[in-house]
Amino acid sequence: MQARYLALPLAALLAISLSACSPEASTPSASASASIAQAQAYDAVAAAAKGFTAGALMGANPVYVLFDPQCPHCSHLWEASLPLHSKVKFIWAPVSLLGAKSLPQGAALLQAADPIEAMTAHEKSLLAGQGGMAASASVPAEIDEAIKANTRLLDSLGAQSVPFIVAKNTRTGQVVTKAGSMDTQALADLLGVSTN
C-alpha cells in the first residue's frame, strides 16, 4: 500500500523531468538576479535571439523557441510544431547547454541552405538515438558568438531547461513563456491558435 503512495509522486516527477532538458551541473549564474521579467521577455528575445525561421513566414508575432540541438525534448517539440507551420511563424534559436555537440550542430543548422529540412533530419536522427547531424567543430566566429549570446539570453530569462518558448498568445496578446516539450494541441493552446 505504501509503495502505491510513493509511485504517484515518482510518476509525476518523471513526467516533469521527461519534458525538458537541463544541464547536469546546474550552477547559479551571475545573471540570475538580473532576470528579464516575463512581460518584457518577448521584446528582449525578439531583439536579441538569432535563429532560423520555420512556418508561416509572414506571421506577425513570431514564436521563439530556444533549443539545444542535443535535447530530445526539443526534438519532440519540433515535431509537435510541424502541424502548426501553416499558421505560426517559429524562430528556432539554438543554445549550447548539453555538451560538446550542441554548438557545432546549432551552427550547422543556422548555416544550412534549408534549415527546416536540416532540422527535420537532425531531429529524426537524434530521436533514433543516432546523435543528430554530423557537424564540423570549426564554427565561424560570428555564428559561435550568436549561439553563445542565445545561451546567455536563455539564462537571463531565468530558464533552467530547454526547449524554452517565448510567444504572444494570439487570442489574448499576453506574453507567454514555457519550458519543456508538449504535444501539438497543448502548443496550439499556449499560442492561442487552432489545430484545424
Protein backbone atom coordinates (compact mmCIF):
# COMPACT_ATOMS: atom_id res chain seq x y z
CA MET A 1 0.00 0.00 0.00
CA GLN A 2 2.78 2.44 0.91
CA ALA A 3 4.56 1.70 -2.40
CA ARG A 4 1.44 2.90 -4.25
CA TYR A 5 1.59 6.28 -2.50
CA LEU A 6 5.27 6.62 -3.40
CA ALA A 7 4.69 5.62 -7.02
CA LEU A 8 2.33 8.51 -7.74
CA PRO A 9 4.73 11.32 -6.74
CA LEU A 10 7.57 9.49 -8.51
CA ALA A 11 5.49 9.23 -11.69
CA ALA A 12 4.68 12.94 -11.52
CA LEU A 13 8.35 13.77 -11.03
CA LEU A 14 9.33 11.62 -14.00
CA ALA A 15 6.69 13.27 -16.18
CA ILE A 16 8.07 16.69 -15.32
CA SER A 17 11.68 15.68 -15.85
CA LEU A 18 10.90 13.97 -19.14
CA SER A 19 9.55 17.09 -20.83
CA ALA A 20 12.67 19.26 -20.75
CA CYS A 21 16.47 19.04 -20.75
CA SER A 22 18.73 20.94 -18.41
CA PRO A 23 22.48 20.93 -17.84
CA GLU A 24 23.62 18.19 -15.48
CA ALA A 25 25.65 20.50 -13.27
CA SER A 26 23.35 23.43 -12.75
CA THR A 27 25.09 26.32 -11.10
CA PRO A 28 23.61 29.66 -10.15
CA SER A 29 24.50 32.25 -12.72
CA ALA A 30 25.63 35.80 -12.28
CA SER A 31 22.66 37.00 -14.31
CA ALA A 32 20.06 35.16 -12.24
CA SER A 33 19.47 38.27 -10.19
CA ALA A 34 19.05 40.35 -13.35
CA SER A 35 16.43 38.12 -14.97
CA ILE A 36 14.16 39.58 -17.58
CA ALA A 37 10.55 39.74 -16.38
CA GLN A 38 8.01 37.69 -18.35
CA ALA A 39 6.23 40.83 -19.63
CA GLN A 40 9.49 42.02 -21.23
CA ALA A 41 10.65 38.56 -22.35
CA TYR A 42 9.08 38.73 -25.80
CA ASP A 43 10.65 42.06 -26.74
CA ALA A 44 14.02 41.01 -25.31
CA VAL A 45 14.06 37.75 -27.26
CA ALA A 46 12.78 39.40 -30.45
CA ALA A 47 15.61 41.93 -30.25
CA ALA A 48 18.42 39.51 -29.42
CA ALA A 49 17.74 35.90 -30.47
CA LYS A 50 19.48 34.60 -33.58
CA GLY A 51 17.81 31.65 -35.23
CA PHE A 52 16.16 30.29 -38.34
CA THR A 53 12.55 30.70 -39.38
CA ALA A 54 10.08 27.86 -39.90
CA GLY A 55 6.38 28.01 -40.60
CA ALA A 56 4.24 30.93 -41.73
CA LEU A 57 6.90 33.38 -42.90
CA MET A 58 4.53 36.36 -42.79
CA GLY A 59 3.38 35.71 -39.21
CA ALA A 60 3.03 38.97 -37.29
CA ASN A 61 4.09 37.67 -33.87
CA PRO A 62 6.78 35.02 -34.19
CA VAL A 63 7.08 32.29 -31.61
CA TYR A 64 10.65 31.99 -30.32
CA VAL A 65 11.98 28.60 -29.30
CA LEU A 66 15.34 28.47 -27.58
CA PHE A 67 16.56 24.90 -28.03
CA ASP A 68 19.65 22.76 -27.66
CA PRO A 69 20.37 20.50 -30.66
CA GLN A 70 21.20 17.62 -28.29
CA CYS A 71 17.87 17.81 -26.43
CA PRO A 72 15.37 15.05 -27.31
CA HIS A 73 12.54 17.11 -25.78
CA CYS A 74 13.37 19.85 -28.27
CA SER A 75 13.05 17.19 -30.98
CA HIS A 76 9.58 16.32 -29.74
CA LEU A 77 8.58 19.99 -29.70
CA TRP A 78 9.88 20.38 -33.27
CA GLU A 79 7.64 17.50 -34.34
CA ALA A 80 4.67 18.93 -32.41
CA SER A 81 5.17 22.31 -34.13
CA LEU A 82 5.07 20.92 -37.67
CA PRO A 83 1.24 20.80 -37.96
CA LEU A 84 1.14 24.48 -36.92
CA HIS A 85 3.60 25.70 -39.58
CA SER A 86 0.77 26.90 -41.84
CA LYS A 87 -0.47 29.24 -39.07
CA VAL A 88 2.52 30.19 -36.95
CA LYS A 89 5.93 31.69 -37.64
CA PHE A 90 8.51 29.98 -35.43
CA ILE A 91 12.06 31.18 -34.88
CA TRP A 92 14.27 28.40 -33.58
CA ALA A 93 17.30 29.83 -31.77
CA PRO A 94 19.99 27.30 -30.83
CA VAL A 95 21.75 27.40 -27.47
CA SER A 96 24.65 25.35 -26.17
CA LEU A 97 23.87 23.71 -22.83
CA LEU A 98 24.08 19.97 -23.14
CA GLY A 99 27.52 19.08 -24.41
CA ALA A 100 30.24 19.47 -26.97
CA LYS A 101 28.00 18.64 -29.95
CA SER A 102 25.44 21.36 -29.17
CA LEU A 103 27.34 24.37 -30.53
CA PRO A 104 28.60 22.77 -33.79
CA GLN A 105 25.18 21.27 -34.53
CA GLY A 106 23.48 24.60 -33.80
CA ALA A 107 25.94 26.30 -36.14
CA ALA A 108 25.27 23.73 -38.87
CA LEU A 109 21.53 24.35 -38.56
CA LEU A 110 21.95 28.13 -38.71
CA GLN A 111 24.16 27.83 -41.81
CA ALA A 112 22.10 25.19 -43.63
CA ALA A 113 20.81 26.06 -47.09
CA ASP A 114 17.43 24.66 -45.99
CA PRO A 115 17.31 24.82 -42.19
CA ILE A 116 13.85 23.23 -42.00
CA GLU A 117 14.99 20.16 -43.92
CA ALA A 118 18.23 20.04 -41.92
CA MET A 119 16.37 20.37 -38.60
CA THR A 120 13.86 17.66 -39.54
CA ALA A 121 16.64 15.23 -40.49
CA HIS A 122 18.66 16.17 -37.39
CA GLU A 123 15.72 15.66 -35.03
CA LYS A 124 14.83 12.28 -36.57
CA SER A 125 18.43 11.17 -36.13
CA LEU A 126 18.51 12.40 -32.55
CA LEU A 127 15.25 10.64 -31.65
CA ALA A 128 16.53 7.45 -33.28
CA GLY A 129 19.48 7.52 -30.88
CA GLN A 130 22.00 8.35 -33.61
CA GLY A 131 23.21 11.62 -32.07
CA GLY A 132 21.87 14.01 -34.69
CA MET A 133 23.64 15.52 -37.66
CA ALA A 134 27.36 15.43 -38.22
CA ALA A 135 28.78 18.91 -37.78
CA SER A 136 32.21 20.46 -38.09
CA ALA A 137 33.83 21.58 -34.85
CA SER A 138 35.15 24.57 -36.79
CA VAL A 139 32.47 27.21 -36.28
CA PRO A 140 32.73 30.73 -37.75
CA ALA A 141 33.27 33.33 -35.02
CA GLU A 142 30.02 35.23 -35.70
CA ILE A 143 27.94 32.03 -35.51
CA ASP A 144 29.79 30.92 -32.37
CA GLU A 145 29.03 34.27 -30.73
CA ALA A 146 25.37 34.17 -31.85
CA ILE A 147 24.84 30.79 -30.19
CA LYS A 148 26.66 31.88 -27.04
CA ALA A 149 24.53 35.06 -26.98
CA ASN A 150 21.37 32.91 -27.32
CA THR A 151 22.60 30.85 -24.36
CA ARG A 152 23.15 33.98 -22.27
CA LEU A 153 19.69 35.20 -23.29
CA LEU A 154 18.16 31.91 -22.13
CA ASP A 155 19.94 32.36 -18.80
CA SER A 156 18.75 35.96 -18.47
CA LEU A 157 15.18 34.74 -18.91
CA GLY A 158 15.65 32.62 -15.80
CA ALA A 159 15.13 29.43 -17.81
CA GLN A 160 16.53 26.28 -16.27
CA SER A 161 15.86 23.97 -19.22
CA VAL A 162 15.12 23.67 -22.92
CA PRO A 163 13.11 23.87 -25.01
CA PHE A 164 12.03 27.31 -23.85
CA ILE A 165 9.19 29.06 -25.68
CA VAL A 166 8.58 32.80 -25.68
CA ALA A 167 5.48 33.98 -27.54
CA LYS A 168 2.43 36.21 -27.56
CA ASN A 169 -0.88 34.38 -27.29
CA THR A 170 -2.79 35.39 -30.43
CA ARG A 171 -6.14 35.47 -28.62
CA THR A 172 -5.13 37.44 -25.54
CA GLY A 173 -2.00 39.28 -26.66
CA GLN A 174 -0.34 38.21 -23.40
CA VAL A 175 3.31 37.22 -23.36
CA VAL A 176 3.64 33.53 -22.55
CA THR A 177 6.73 31.55 -21.68
CA LYS A 178 7.00 27.81 -21.23
CA ALA A 179 9.84 25.42 -20.56
CA GLY A 180 9.55 21.90 -21.85
CA SER A 181 8.01 19.97 -24.66
CA MET A 182 4.32 19.46 -25.30
CA ASP A 183 2.06 17.94 -27.90
CA THR A 184 0.57 19.87 -30.82
CA GLN A 185 -2.73 20.62 -29.06
CA ALA A 186 -1.04 21.95 -25.91
CA LEU A 187 1.29 24.07 -28.06
CA ALA A 188 -1.67 25.45 -30.04
CA ASP A 189 -3.48 26.26 -26.78
CA LEU A 190 -0.42 28.05 -25.40
CA LEU A 191 -0.14 30.11 -28.58
CA GLY A 192 -3.87 30.77 -28.91
CA VAL A 193 -4.29 29.13 -32.33
CA SER A 194 -6.49 26.30 -33.54
CA THR A 195 -5.17 22.98 -34.82
CA ASN A 196 -7.60 22.75 -37.75
